[in-house]
Amino acid sequence: MSGLLALLDDVAGIAKIAAASVDDVAGQAAKAGAKAAGAVIDDAAVTPKYVHGFAPARELPIVGKIALGSIRNKLLILLPAALLLSAFAPWLITPLLMLGGAYLCFEGAEKVWHLFFPHDPYADGHVEGGGDPQHLEAEKIAGAVKTDFILSAEIMTIALAALPPEQPVWMEAMALALVGIGITVVVYGGVALIVKADDVGLWLARVGRLSVTRALGRGIVSFMPLFMKALMVVGTAAMIWVGGSIVLHGLAETLWHAPYDWIHHQAEVVAHALPQSLSGFMGWATTAFLDGIFGLAFGLLLIPLVAKVIDPVIMSFSGKGKAGH
């Protein structure tokens, strides 16, 4: 009996260690996922355009196929690549983060630029629409999955950099897998709600028995275009802020720490000048604002570089232009 009790005690101890490890993995995944906020919001803001123009019955299946492609991107390609990077070339993580941050800055700045200087969406001669609907749907899904790969690479690299070093590879893999799955569920679950919200509102407005229900439906239909515009604004701001922060942090770790130090000094000055109840938030807000100003300026500088150098190189190899979405 004493031997059985000792065995059970050992099993209980192992279970406690395993539970603690799972808690650690979940906590690491949550913190790492939070670091990727800019790319996540961008993903959610960009994806609804891929179902535009399709019948309502095809919207959710299209979102589902894009989400499945996103899971494959993260778990089958990017997760093994991240583990290999962490094991054999950890020195590459910071340069890759800076590359991803530069991409976010470019994407956000390009959207701001086109807000003031609109361009013809079909200037490259490609006109959407027409043709076989199934072929068009497959093309849209393939394009969305390719775009997702870029955003997912940013998310996984940011998450990898946020994980504690010198930990077992299985914990790193589980944390990255949780980040990948969790973010995919949040993003594409949110996208599914967004693309169907106007249909729900229209249904309520038409068949609602109560005037309040019908008014709610009309309100949803009227609100969704405003919500989509607000989501694009928030997504753009988040891209610029997060991208600028990543580039500044990478510069401080590698080549030039003066801009990073100056911004954090300004945040400390603002925080010390305010009551304690406001100092923490305003210090963070000052850092985010200045990171965003840097990210916007850096992204604007990248626009001619992409147009004159990177895009022609891409076109020469693939016959396609446009480094962004």
C-alpha atoms as a PDB file:
ATOM      1  CA  MET A   1       0.000   0.000   0.000  1.00  0.00           C
ATOM      2  CA  SER A   2       2.808   2.417   0.942  1.00  0.00           C
ATOM      3  CA  GLY A   3       4.454   1.748  -2.429  1.00  0.00           C
ATOM      4  CA  LEU A   4       1.188   2.524  -4.235  1.00  0.00           C
ATOM      5  CA  LEU A   5       0.767   5.754  -2.255  1.00  0.00           C
ATOM      6  CA  ALA A   6       4.348   6.747  -3.072  1.00  0.00           C
ATOM      7  CA  LEU A   7       3.699   6.055  -6.762  1.00  0.00           C
ATOM      8  CA  LEU A   8       0.519   8.121  -6.681  1.00  0.00           C
ATOM      9  CA  ASP A   9       2.410  10.920  -4.944  1.00  0.00           C
ATOM     10  CA  ASP A  10       5.057  10.839  -7.694  1.00  0.00           C
ATOM     11  CA  VAL A  11       2.355  10.925 -10.361  1.00  0.00           C
ATOM     12  CA  ALA A  12       0.718  13.887  -8.622  1.00  0.00           C
ATOM     13  CA  GLY A  13       4.065  15.683  -8.526  1.00  0.00           C
ATOM     14  CA  ILE A  14       4.630  15.067 -12.217  1.00  0.00           C
ATOM     15  CA  ALA A  15       1.101  16.310 -12.945  1.00  0.00           C
ATOM     16  CA  LYS A  16       1.779  19.508 -10.988  1.00  0.00           C
ATOM     17  CA  ILE A  17       5.004  20.102 -12.939  1.00  0.00           C
ATOM     18  CA  ALA A  18       3.186  19.448 -16.213  1.00  0.00           C
ATOM     19  CA  ALA A  19       0.358  21.802 -15.222  1.00  0.00           C
ATOM     20  CA  ALA A  20       2.859  24.498 -14.301  1.00  0.00           C
ATOM     21  CA  SER A  21       4.591  24.009 -17.643  1.00  0.00           C
ATOM     22  CA  VAL A  22       1.265  24.339 -19.481  1.00  0.00           C
ATOM     23  CA  ASP A  23       0.533  27.519 -17.513  1.00  0.00           C
ATOM     24  CA  ASP A  24       3.981  28.854 -18.451  1.00  0.00           C
ATOM     25  CA  VAL A  25       3.387  28.052 -22.109  1.00  0.00           C
ATOM     26  CA  ALA A  26      -0.046  29.721 -22.062  1.00  0.00           C
ATOM     27  CA  GLY A  27       1.353  32.796 -20.333  1.00  0.00           C
ATOM     28  CA  GLN A  28       4.242  33.052 -22.774  1.00  0.00           C
ATOM     29  CA  ALA A  29       1.878  32.623 -25.720  1.00  0.00           C
ATOM     30  CA  ALA A  30      -0.409  35.382 -24.419  1.00  0.00           C
ATOM     31  CA  LYS A  31       2.477  37.822 -23.950  1.00  0.00           C
ATOM     32  CA  ALA A  32       4.039  36.930 -27.293  1.00  0.00           C
ATOM     33  CA  GLY A  33       0.697  37.275 -29.090  1.00  0.00           C
ATOM     34  CA  ALA A  34       0.121  40.717 -27.570  1.00  0.00           C
ATOM     35  CA  LYS A  35       3.437  41.895 -29.039  1.00  0.00           C
ATOM     36  CA  ALA A  36       2.096  41.197 -32.537  1.00  0.00           C
ATOM     37  CA  ALA A  37      -0.892  43.553 -32.201  1.00  0.00           C
ATOM     38  CA  GLY A  38      -0.072  45.676 -35.249  1.00  0.00           C
ATOM     39  CA  ALA A  39       0.131  42.778 -37.687  1.00  0.00           C
ATOM     40  CA  VAL A  40      -2.962  41.146 -36.151  1.00  0.00           C
ATOM     41  CA  ILE A  41      -5.112  44.253 -36.582  1.00  0.00           C
ATOM     42  CA  ASP A  42      -3.788  44.689 -40.102  1.00  0.00           C
ATOM     43  CA  ASP A  43      -4.722  41.081 -40.905  1.00  0.00           C
ATOM     44  CA  ALA A  44      -8.269  41.626 -39.604  1.00  0.00           C
ATOM     45  CA  ALA A  45      -8.597  44.903 -41.499  1.00  0.00           C
ATOM     46  CA  VAL A  46      -7.303  43.522 -44.809  1.00  0.00           C
ATOM     47  CA  THR A  47      -9.077  40.147 -45.042  1.00  0.00           C
ATOM     48  CA  PRO A  48     -12.723  41.299 -45.521  1.00  0.00           C
ATOM     49  CA  LYS A  49     -11.826  42.766 -48.940  1.00  0.00           C
ATOM     50  CA  TYR A  50     -11.242  39.233 -50.251  1.00  0.00           C
ATOM     51  CA  VAL A  51     -14.949  38.344 -49.971  1.00  0.00           C
ATOM     52  CA  HIS A  52     -16.136  41.579 -51.567  1.00  0.00           C
ATOM     53  CA  GLY A  53     -18.284  40.922 -54.634  1.00  0.00           C
ATOM     54  CA  PHE A  54     -19.155  37.296 -53.839  1.00  0.00           C
ATOM     55  CA  ALA A  55     -22.600  35.940 -53.009  1.00  0.00           C
ATOM     56  CA  PRO A  56     -23.384  36.025 -49.259  1.00  0.00           C
ATOM     57  CA  ALA A  57     -23.562  32.218 -49.196  1.00  0.00           C
ATOM     58  CA  ARG A  58     -19.901  32.025 -50.273  1.00  0.00           C
ATOM     59  CA  GLU A  59     -18.507  34.537 -47.750  1.00  0.00           C
ATOM     60  CA  LEU A  60     -18.052  32.214 -44.767  1.00  0.00           C
ATOM     61  CA  PRO A  61     -16.659  29.299 -46.852  1.00  0.00           C
ATOM     62  CA  ILE A  62     -14.089  31.696 -48.355  1.00  0.00           C
ATOM     63  CA  VAL A  63     -13.100  33.011 -44.908  1.00  0.00           C
ATOM     64  CA  GLY A  64     -12.858  29.406 -43.676  1.00  0.00           C
ATOM     65  CA  LYS A  65     -10.532  28.412 -46.544  1.00  0.00           C
ATOM     66  CA  ILE A  66      -8.313  31.453 -45.939  1.00  0.00           C
ATOM     67  CA  ALA A  67      -8.171  30.615 -42.216  1.00  0.00           C
ATOM     68  CA  LEU A  68      -7.173  27.013 -43.040  1.00  0.00           C
ATOM     69  CA  GLY A  69      -4.428  28.326 -45.307  1.00  0.00           C
ATOM     70  CA  SER A  70      -3.288  30.633 -42.505  1.00  0.00           C
ATOM     71  CA  ILE A  71      -3.034  27.690 -40.088  1.00  0.00           C
ATOM     72  CA  ARG A  72      -0.954  25.781 -42.645  1.00  0.00           C
ATOM     73  CA  ASN A  73       1.292  28.805 -43.109  1.00  0.00           C
ATOM     74  CA  LYS A  74       1.911  29.142 -39.395  1.00  0.00           C
ATOM     75  CA  LEU A  75       2.169  25.519 -38.251  1.00  0.00           C
ATOM     76  CA  LEU A  76       3.659  23.695 -41.239  1.00  0.00           C
ATOM     77  CA  ILE A  77       6.076  26.316 -42.584  1.00  0.00           C
ATOM     78  CA  LEU A  78       6.699  29.196 -40.191  1.00  0.00           C
ATOM     79  CA  LEU A  79       6.754  27.256 -36.899  1.00  0.00           C
ATOM     80  CA  PRO A  80       9.520  24.828 -38.016  1.00  0.00           C
ATOM     81  CA  ALA A  81      11.401  27.759 -39.582  1.00  0.00           C
ATOM     82  CA  ALA A  82      11.159  29.711 -36.316  1.00  0.00           C
ATOM     83  CA  LEU A  83      12.457  26.760 -34.269  1.00  0.00           C
ATOM     84  CA  LEU A  84      15.388  26.268 -36.657  1.00  0.00           C
ATOM     85  CA  LEU A  85      16.123  29.975 -36.501  1.00  0.00           C
ATOM     86  CA  SER A  86      16.068  29.945 -32.702  1.00  0.00           C
ATOM     87  CA  ALA A  87      18.317  26.879 -32.521  1.00  0.00           C
ATOM     88  CA  PHE A  88      20.912  27.640 -35.197  1.00  0.00           C
ATOM     89  CA  ALA A  89      20.790  31.367 -36.038  1.00  0.00           C
ATOM     90  CA  PRO A  90      19.350  33.366 -33.124  1.00  0.00           C
ATOM     91  CA  TRP A  91      21.421  36.351 -34.271  1.00  0.00           C
ATOM     92  CA  LEU A  92      19.109  36.614 -37.287  1.00  0.00           C
ATOM     93  CA  ILE A  93      15.988  37.239 -35.173  1.00  0.00           C
ATOM     94  CA  THR A  94      16.634  40.961 -34.640  1.00  0.00           C
ATOM     95  CA  PRO A  95      17.410  41.716 -38.344  1.00  0.00           C
ATOM     96  CA  LEU A  96      14.314  39.761 -39.398  1.00  0.00           C
ATOM     97  CA  LEU A  97      12.234  41.639 -36.831  1.00  0.00           C
ATOM     98  CA  MET A  98      13.554  44.914 -38.223  1.00  0.00           C
ATOM     99  CA  LEU A  99      12.673  43.756 -41.740  1.00  0.00           C
ATOM    100  CA  GLY A 100       9.147  42.936 -40.597  1.00  0.00           C
ATOM    101  CA  GLY A 101       8.918  46.271 -38.776  1.00  0.00           C
ATOM    102  CA  ALA A 102      10.054  48.082 -41.923  1.00  0.00           C
ATOM    103  CA  TYR A 103       7.344  46.248 -43.864  1.00  0.00           C
ATOM    104  CA  LEU A 104       4.711  47.397 -41.354  1.00  0.00           C
ATOM    105  CA  CYS A 105       5.992  50.985 -41.578  1.00  0.00           C
ATOM    106  CA  PHE A 106       5.871  50.835 -45.378  1.00  0.00           C
ATOM    107  CA  GLU A 107       2.370  49.376 -45.485  1.00  0.00           C
ATOM    108  CA  GLY A 108       0.984  51.921 -43.029  1.00  0.00           C
ATOM    109  CA  ALA A 109       2.750  54.897 -44.648  1.00  0.00           C
ATOM    110  CA  GLU A 110       1.593  53.799 -48.100  1.00  0.00           C
ATOM    111  CA  LYS A 111      -2.020  53.804 -46.920  1.00  0.00           C
ATOM    112  CA  VAL A 112      -1.570  57.310 -45.482  1.00  0.00           C
ATOM    113  CA  TRP A 113       0.096  58.455 -48.725  1.00  0.00           C
ATOM    114  CA  HIS A 114      -2.741  57.101 -50.878  1.00  0.00           C
ATOM    115  CA  LEU A 115      -5.241  58.845 -48.614  1.00  0.00           C
ATOM    116  CA  PHE A 116      -3.839  62.188 -49.762  1.00  0.00           C
ATOM    117  CA  PHE A 117      -2.707  61.081 -53.226  1.00  0.00           C
ATOM    118  CA  PRO A 118      -5.229  58.470 -54.463  1.00  0.00           C
ATOM    119  CA  HIS A 119      -4.111  56.131 -57.225  1.00  0.00           C
ATOM    120  CA  ASP A 120      -5.932  54.081 -59.821  1.00  0.00           C
ATOM    121  CA  PRO A 121      -6.435  50.574 -58.345  1.00  0.00           C
ATOM    122  CA  TYR A 122      -6.198  49.115 -61.853  1.00  0.00           C
ATOM    123  CA  ALA A 123      -3.170  51.097 -63.024  1.00  0.00           C
ATOM    124  CA  ASP A 124      -1.297  47.853 -63.654  1.00  0.00           C
ATOM    125  CA  GLY A 125      -3.863  46.826 -66.222  1.00  0.00           C
ATOM    126  CA  HIS A 126      -5.488  44.159 -64.051  1.00  0.00           C
ATOM    127  CA  VAL A 127      -9.242  44.460 -63.755  1.00  0.00           C
ATOM    128  CA  GLU A 128     -11.137  42.242 -61.349  1.00  0.00           C
ATOM    129  CA  GLY A 129     -14.448  40.681 -62.114  1.00  0.00           C
ATOM    130  CA  GLY A 130     -15.826  38.476 -64.858  1.00  0.00           C
ATOM    131  CA  GLY A 131     -14.758  34.980 -65.709  1.00  0.00           C
ATOM    132  CA  ASP A 132     -15.624  31.757 -63.942  1.00  0.00           C
ATOM    133  CA  PRO A 133     -16.804  32.473 -60.349  1.00  0.00           C
ATOM    134  CA  GLN A 134     -15.108  29.343 -59.006  1.00  0.00           C
ATOM    135  CA  HIS A 135     -11.815  30.324 -60.646  1.00  0.00           C
ATOM    136  CA  LEU A 136     -12.134  33.868 -59.319  1.00  0.00           C
ATOM    137  CA  GLU A 137     -12.846  32.524 -55.821  1.00  0.00           C
ATOM    138  CA  ALA A 138      -9.800  30.247 -55.979  1.00  0.00           C
ATOM    139  CA  GLU A 139      -7.659  33.193 -57.129  1.00  0.00           C
ATOM    140  CA  LYS A 140      -8.929  35.365 -54.272  1.00  0.00           C
ATOM    141  CA  ILE A 141      -8.219  32.648 -51.701  1.00  0.00           C
ATOM    142  CA  ALA A 142      -4.727  32.027 -53.086  1.00  0.00           C
ATOM    143  CA  GLY A 143      -3.977  35.760 -52.994  1.00  0.00           C
ATOM    144  CA  ALA A 144      -5.287  36.071 -49.441  1.00  0.00           C
ATOM    145  CA  VAL A 145      -3.202  33.107 -48.250  1.00  0.00           C
ATOM    146  CA  LYS A 146      -0.073  34.611 -49.820  1.00  0.00           C
ATOM    147  CA  THR A 147      -0.730  37.937 -48.090  1.00  0.00           C
ATOM    148  CA  ASP A 148      -1.413  36.067 -44.858  1.00  0.00           C
ATOM    149  CA  PHE A 149       1.966  34.355 -45.162  1.00  0.00           C
ATOM    150  CA  ILE A 150       3.746  37.715 -44.975  1.00  0.00           C
ATOM    151  CA  LEU A 151       1.677  38.865 -42.009  1.00  0.00           C
ATOM    152  CA  SER A 152       1.982  35.473 -40.295  1.00  0.00           C
ATOM    153  CA  ALA A 153       5.771  35.556 -40.742  1.00  0.00           C
ATOM    154  CA  GLU A 154       5.800  38.909 -38.945  1.00  0.00           C
ATOM    155  CA  ILE A 155       3.549  37.589 -36.180  1.00  0.00           C
ATOM    156  CA  MET A 156       5.597  34.432 -35.608  1.00  0.00           C
ATOM    157  CA  THR A 157       8.923  36.314 -35.663  1.00  0.00           C
ATOM    158  CA  ILE A 158       7.626  38.899 -33.182  1.00  0.00           C
ATOM    159  CA  ALA A 159       6.278  36.096 -30.985  1.00  0.00           C
ATOM    160  CA  LEU A 160       9.577  34.204 -31.173  1.00  0.00           C
ATOM    161  CA  ALA A 161      11.516  37.293 -30.069  1.00  0.00           C
ATOM    162  CA  ALA A 162       9.117  37.786 -27.133  1.00  0.00           C
ATOM    163  CA  LEU A 163       9.646  34.265 -25.743  1.00  0.00           C
ATOM    164  CA  PRO A 164      12.209  33.761 -22.937  1.00  0.00           C
ATOM    165  CA  PRO A 165      15.554  32.399 -24.157  1.00  0.00           C
ATOM    166  CA  GLU A 166      17.168  29.177 -22.935  1.00  0.00           C
ATOM    167  CA  GLN A 167      13.976  27.157 -22.576  1.00  0.00           C
ATOM    168  CA  PRO A 168      13.158  23.639 -23.824  1.00  0.00           C
ATOM    169  CA  VAL A 169      12.378  23.487 -27.509  1.00  0.00           C
ATOM    170  CA  TRP A 170       9.035  21.770 -26.832  1.00  0.00           C
ATOM    171  CA  MET A 171       7.871  24.732 -24.721  1.00  0.00           C
ATOM    172  CA  GLU A 172       8.952  27.132 -27.454  1.00  0.00           C
ATOM    173  CA  ALA A 173       7.107  25.067 -30.064  1.00  0.00           C
ATOM    174  CA  MET A 174       3.940  24.837 -27.966  1.00  0.00           C
ATOM    175  CA  ALA A 175       3.953  28.573 -27.224  1.00  0.00           C
ATOM    176  CA  LEU A 176       4.419  29.443 -30.905  1.00  0.00           C
ATOM    177  CA  ALA A 177       1.709  26.954 -31.906  1.00  0.00           C
ATOM    178  CA  LEU A 178      -0.688  28.514 -29.373  1.00  0.00           C
ATOM    179  CA  VAL A 179       0.127  31.973 -30.694  1.00  0.00           C
ATOM    180  CA  GLY A 180      -0.449  30.835 -34.283  1.00  0.00           C
ATOM    181  CA  ILE A 181      -3.724  29.034 -33.598  1.00  0.00           C
ATOM    182  CA  GLY A 182      -5.026  31.641 -31.160  1.00  0.00           C
ATOM    183  CA  ILE A 183      -4.351  34.586 -33.441  1.00  0.00           C
ATOM    184  CA  THR A 184      -5.851  32.770 -36.433  1.00  0.00           C
ATOM    185  CA  VAL A 185      -9.048  32.026 -34.486  1.00  0.00           C
ATOM    186  CA  VAL A 186      -9.306  35.611 -33.233  1.00  0.00           C
ATOM    187  CA  VAL A 187      -8.575  37.207 -36.614  1.00  0.00           C
ATOM    188  CA  TYR A 188     -10.709  35.020 -38.848  1.00  0.00           C
ATOM    189  CA  GLY A 189     -13.454  34.574 -36.265  1.00  0.00           C
ATOM    190  CA  GLY A 190     -13.625  38.368 -36.112  1.00  0.00           C
ATOM    191  CA  VAL A 191     -13.571  38.602 -39.900  1.00  0.00           C
ATOM    192  CA  ALA A 192     -16.458  36.115 -40.140  1.00  0.00           C
ATOM    193  CA  LEU A 193     -18.499  38.260 -37.736  1.00  0.00           C
ATOM    194  CA  ILE A 194     -17.633  41.422 -39.660  1.00  0.00           C
ATOM    195  CA  VAL A 195     -18.558  40.121 -43.119  1.00  0.00           C
ATOM    196  CA  LYS A 196     -21.886  38.671 -41.920  1.00  0.00           C
ATOM    197  CA  ALA A 197     -22.904  41.534 -39.619  1.00  0.00           C
ATOM    198  CA  ASP A 198     -24.595  43.511 -42.396  1.00  0.00           C
ATOM    199  CA  ASP A 199     -26.532  40.400 -43.496  1.00  0.00           C
ATOM    200  CA  VAL A 200     -27.734  39.910 -39.918  1.00  0.00           C
ATOM    201  CA  GLY A 201     -28.717  43.577 -39.735  1.00  0.00           C
ATOM    202  CA  LEU A 202     -30.592  43.354 -43.045  1.00  0.00           C
ATOM    203  CA  TRP A 203     -32.422  40.230 -41.846  1.00  0.00           C
ATOM    204  CA  LEU A 204     -33.447  41.920 -38.594  1.00  0.00           C
ATOM    205  CA  ALA A 205     -34.638  45.008 -40.473  1.00  0.00           C
ATOM    206  CA  ARG A 206     -36.796  42.882 -42.785  1.00  0.00           C
ATOM    207  CA  VAL A 207     -38.287  40.215 -40.532  1.00  0.00           C
ATOM    208  CA  GLY A 208     -38.059  41.709 -37.046  1.00  0.00           C
ATOM    209  CA  ARG A 209     -41.419  41.650 -35.282  1.00  0.00           C
ATOM    210  CA  LEU A 210     -40.706  44.588 -33.009  1.00  0.00           C
ATOM    211  CA  SER A 211     -39.937  48.111 -34.158  1.00  0.00           C
ATOM    212  CA  VAL A 212     -36.925  48.085 -31.842  1.00  0.00           C
ATOM    213  CA  THR A 213     -35.580  44.946 -33.555  1.00  0.00           C
ATOM    214  CA  ARG A 214     -36.060  46.450 -37.020  1.00  0.00           C
ATOM    215  CA  ALA A 215     -34.400  49.677 -35.880  1.00  0.00           C
ATOM    216  CA  LEU A 216     -31.480  47.645 -34.514  1.00  0.00           C
ATOM    217  CA  GLY A 217     -31.108  45.915 -37.868  1.00  0.00           C
ATOM    218  CA  ARG A 218     -31.088  49.235 -39.748  1.00  0.00           C
ATOM    219  CA  GLY A 219     -28.581  50.565 -37.231  1.00  0.00           C
ATOM    220  CA  ILE A 220     -26.232  47.597 -37.821  1.00  0.00           C
ATOM    221  CA  VAL A 221     -26.440  48.071 -41.611  1.00  0.00           C
ATOM    222  CA  SER A 222     -25.648  51.786 -41.249  1.00  0.00           C
ATOM    223  CA  PHE A 223     -22.903  51.214 -38.675  1.00  0.00           C
ATOM    224  CA  MET A 224     -20.847  48.553 -40.482  1.00  0.00           C
ATOM    225  CA  PRO A 225     -19.353  50.822 -43.200  1.00  0.00           C
ATOM    226  CA  LEU A 226     -18.285  53.253 -40.461  1.00  0.00           C
ATOM    227  CA  PHE A 227     -16.869  50.364 -38.447  1.00  0.00           C
ATOM    228  CA  MET A 228     -14.854  49.112 -41.421  1.00  0.00           C
ATOM    229  CA  LYS A 229     -13.391  52.584 -41.970  1.00  0.00           C
ATOM    230  CA  ALA A 230     -12.544  52.839 -38.262  1.00  0.00           C
ATOM    231  CA  LEU A 231     -10.922  49.385 -38.374  1.00  0.00           C
ATOM    232  CA  MET A 232      -8.770  50.458 -41.311  1.00  0.00           C
ATOM    233  CA  VAL A 233      -7.706  53.612 -39.434  1.00  0.00           C
ATOM    234  CA  VAL A 234      -6.876  51.663 -36.266  1.00  0.00           C
ATOM    235  CA  GLY A 235      -5.088  48.982 -38.281  1.00  0.00           C
ATOM    236  CA  THR A 236      -2.992  51.564 -40.118  1.00  0.00           C
ATOM    237  CA  ALA A 237      -2.105  53.395 -36.892  1.00  0.00           C
ATOM    238  CA  ALA A 238      -1.200  50.116 -35.194  1.00  0.00           C
ATOM    239  CA  MET A 239       1.009  49.065 -38.116  1.00  0.00           C
ATOM    240  CA  ILE A 240       2.921  52.348 -38.079  1.00  0.00           C
ATOM    241  CA  TRP A 241       3.311  52.383 -34.296  1.00  0.00           C
ATOM    242  CA  VAL A 242       4.342  48.736 -33.925  1.00  0.00           C
ATOM    243  CA  GLY A 243       6.598  48.861 -36.990  1.00  0.00           C
ATOM    244  CA  GLY A 244       8.340  51.995 -35.764  1.00  0.00           C
ATOM    245  CA  SER A 245       8.793  50.490 -32.303  1.00  0.00           C
ATOM    246  CA  ILE A 246      10.319  47.296 -33.736  1.00  0.00           C
ATOM    247  CA  VAL A 247      12.750  49.169 -35.982  1.00  0.00           C
ATOM    248  CA  LEU A 248      13.815  51.543 -33.180  1.00  0.00           C
ATOM    249  CA  HIS A 249      14.349  48.661 -30.756  1.00  0.00           C
ATOM    250  CA  GLY A 250      16.362  46.766 -33.367  1.00  0.00           C
ATOM    251  CA  LEU A 251      18.493  49.813 -34.105  1.00  0.00           C
ATOM    252  CA  ALA A 252      19.183  50.224 -30.377  1.00  0.00           C
ATOM    253  CA  GLU A 253      20.345  46.604 -30.162  1.00  0.00           C
ATOM    254  CA  THR A 254      22.541  46.691 -33.262  1.00  0.00           C
ATOM    255  CA  LEU A 255      23.722  50.007 -34.702  1.00  0.00           C
ATOM    256  CA  TRP A 256      22.311  53.200 -33.228  1.00  0.00           C
ATOM    257  CA  HIS A 257      20.620  53.582 -29.831  1.00  0.00           C
ATOM    258  CA  ALA A 258      20.240  57.401 -29.773  1.00  0.00           C
ATOM    259  CA  PRO A 259      16.658  57.621 -31.233  1.00  0.00           C
ATOM    260  CA  TYR A 260      15.386  54.876 -28.891  1.00  0.00           C
ATOM    261  CA  ASP A 261      17.002  56.532 -25.861  1.00  0.00           C
ATOM    262  CA  TRP A 262      15.671  59.983 -26.807  1.00  0.00           C
ATOM    263  CA  ILE A 263      12.077  58.745 -27.157  1.00  0.00           C
ATOM    264  CA  HIS A 264      12.168  56.958 -23.815  1.00  0.00           C
ATOM    265  CA  HIS A 265      13.695  60.040 -22.191  1.00  0.00           C
ATOM    266  CA  GLN A 266      10.795  62.157 -23.502  1.00  0.00           C
ATOM    267  CA  ALA A 267       8.319  59.601 -22.160  1.00  0.00           C
ATOM    268  CA  GLU A 268       9.967  59.780 -18.725  1.00  0.00           C
ATOM    269  CA  VAL A 269       9.825  63.600 -18.774  1.00  0.00           C
ATOM    270  CA  VAL A 270       6.098  63.519 -19.564  1.00  0.00           C
ATOM    271  CA  ALA A 271       5.417  60.831 -16.944  1.00  0.00           C
ATOM    272  CA  HIS A 272       7.282  62.725 -14.190  1.00  0.00           C
ATOM    273  CA  ALA A 273       5.414  65.948 -14.991  1.00  0.00           C
ATOM    274  CA  LEU A 274       1.994  64.382 -14.367  1.00  0.00           C
ATOM    275  CA  PRO A 275       0.183  62.958 -11.334  1.00  0.00           C
ATOM    276  CA  GLN A 276       0.997  59.326 -10.566  1.00  0.00           C
ATOM    277  CA  SER A 277      -2.465  58.209 -11.672  1.00  0.00           C
ATOM    278  CA  LEU A 278      -1.734  59.450 -15.216  1.00  0.00           C
ATOM    279  CA  SER A 279       2.024  59.024 -15.436  1.00  0.00           C
ATOM    280  CA  GLY A 280       2.071  55.374 -16.526  1.00  0.00           C
ATOM    281  CA  PHE A 281      -0.492  55.771 -19.312  1.00  0.00           C
ATOM    282  CA  MET A 282       0.859  59.081 -20.594  1.00  0.00           C
ATOM    283  CA  GLY A 283       4.422  57.739 -20.570  1.00  0.00           C
ATOM    284  CA  TRP A 284       3.268  54.808 -22.722  1.00  0.00           C
ATOM    285  CA  ALA A 285       1.198  57.106 -24.962  1.00  0.00           C
ATOM    286  CA  THR A 286       4.184  59.413 -25.504  1.00  0.00           C
ATOM    287  CA  THR A 287       6.385  56.470 -26.471  1.00  0.00           C
ATOM    288  CA  ALA A 288       3.721  55.092 -28.823  1.00  0.00           C
ATOM    289  CA  PHE A 289       3.135  58.512 -30.424  1.00  0.00           C
ATOM    290  CA  LEU A 290       6.831  59.155 -31.061  1.00  0.00           C
ATOM    291  CA  ASP A 291       7.343  55.556 -32.268  1.00  0.00           C
ATOM    292  CA  GLY A 292       4.476  56.186 -34.680  1.00  0.00           C
ATOM    293  CA  ILE A 293       5.973  59.455 -35.945  1.00  0.00           C
ATOM    294  CA  PHE A 294       9.254  57.659 -36.589  1.00  0.00           C
ATOM    295  CA  GLY A 295       7.433  54.735 -38.239  1.00  0.00           C
ATOM    296  CA  LEU A 296       5.473  57.054 -40.540  1.00  0.00           C
ATOM    297  CA  ALA A 297       8.593  58.999 -41.565  1.00  0.00           C
ATOM    298  CA  PHE A 298      10.558  55.791 -42.142  1.00  0.00           C
ATOM    299  CA  GLY A 299       7.702  54.252 -44.120  1.00  0.00           C
ATOM    300  CA  LEU A 300       7.386  57.337 -46.341  1.00  0.00           C
ATOM    301  CA  LEU A 301      11.102  57.088 -47.105  1.00  0.00           C
ATOM    302  CA  LEU A 302      10.623  53.444 -48.100  1.00  0.00           C
ATOM    303  CA  ILE A 303       7.838  54.170 -50.621  1.00  0.00           C
ATOM    304  CA  PRO A 304      10.150  55.449 -53.429  1.00  0.00           C
ATOM    305  CA  LEU A 305      12.659  52.685 -52.627  1.00  0.00           C
ATOM    306  CA  VAL A 306       9.957  50.052 -53.115  1.00  0.00           C
ATOM    307  CA  ALA A 307       8.600  51.749 -56.251  1.00  0.00           C
ATOM    308  CA  LYS A 308      11.977  52.298 -57.925  1.00  0.00           C
ATOM    309  CA  VAL A 309      14.020  49.303 -56.744  1.00  0.00           C
ATOM    310  CA  ILE A 310      12.166  46.484 -54.957  1.00  0.00           C
ATOM    311  CA  ASP A 311       9.045  46.397 -57.162  1.00  0.00           C
ATOM    312  CA  PRO A 312      11.018  46.258 -60.445  1.00  0.00           C
ATOM    313  CA  VAL A 313      13.131  43.418 -59.023  1.00  0.00           C
ATOM    314  CA  ILE A 314       9.986  41.491 -58.040  1.00  0.00           C
ATOM    315  CA  MET A 315       8.511  42.114 -61.488  1.00  0.00           C
ATOM    316  CA  SER A 316      11.657  40.869 -63.190  1.00  0.00           C
ATOM    317  CA  PHE A 317      11.508  37.549 -61.314  1.00  0.00           C
ATOM    318  CA  SER A 318       7.756  36.936 -61.144  1.00  0.00           C
ATOM    319  CA  GLY A 319       6.146  39.228 -63.639  1.00  0.00           C
ATOM    320  CA  LYS A 320       4.169  40.799 -60.804  1.00  0.00           C
ATOM    321  CA  GLY A 321       4.667  44.053 -58.994  1.00  0.00           C
ATOM    322  CA  LYS A 322       3.673  45.543 -55.679  1.00  0.00           C
ATOM    323  CA  ALA A 323       5.521  44.479 -52.572  1.00  0.00           C
ATOM    324  CA  GLY A 324       2.555  45.303 -50.358  1.00  0.00           C
ATOM    325  CA  HIS A 325      -1.034  44.082 -50.290  1.00  0.00           C
END
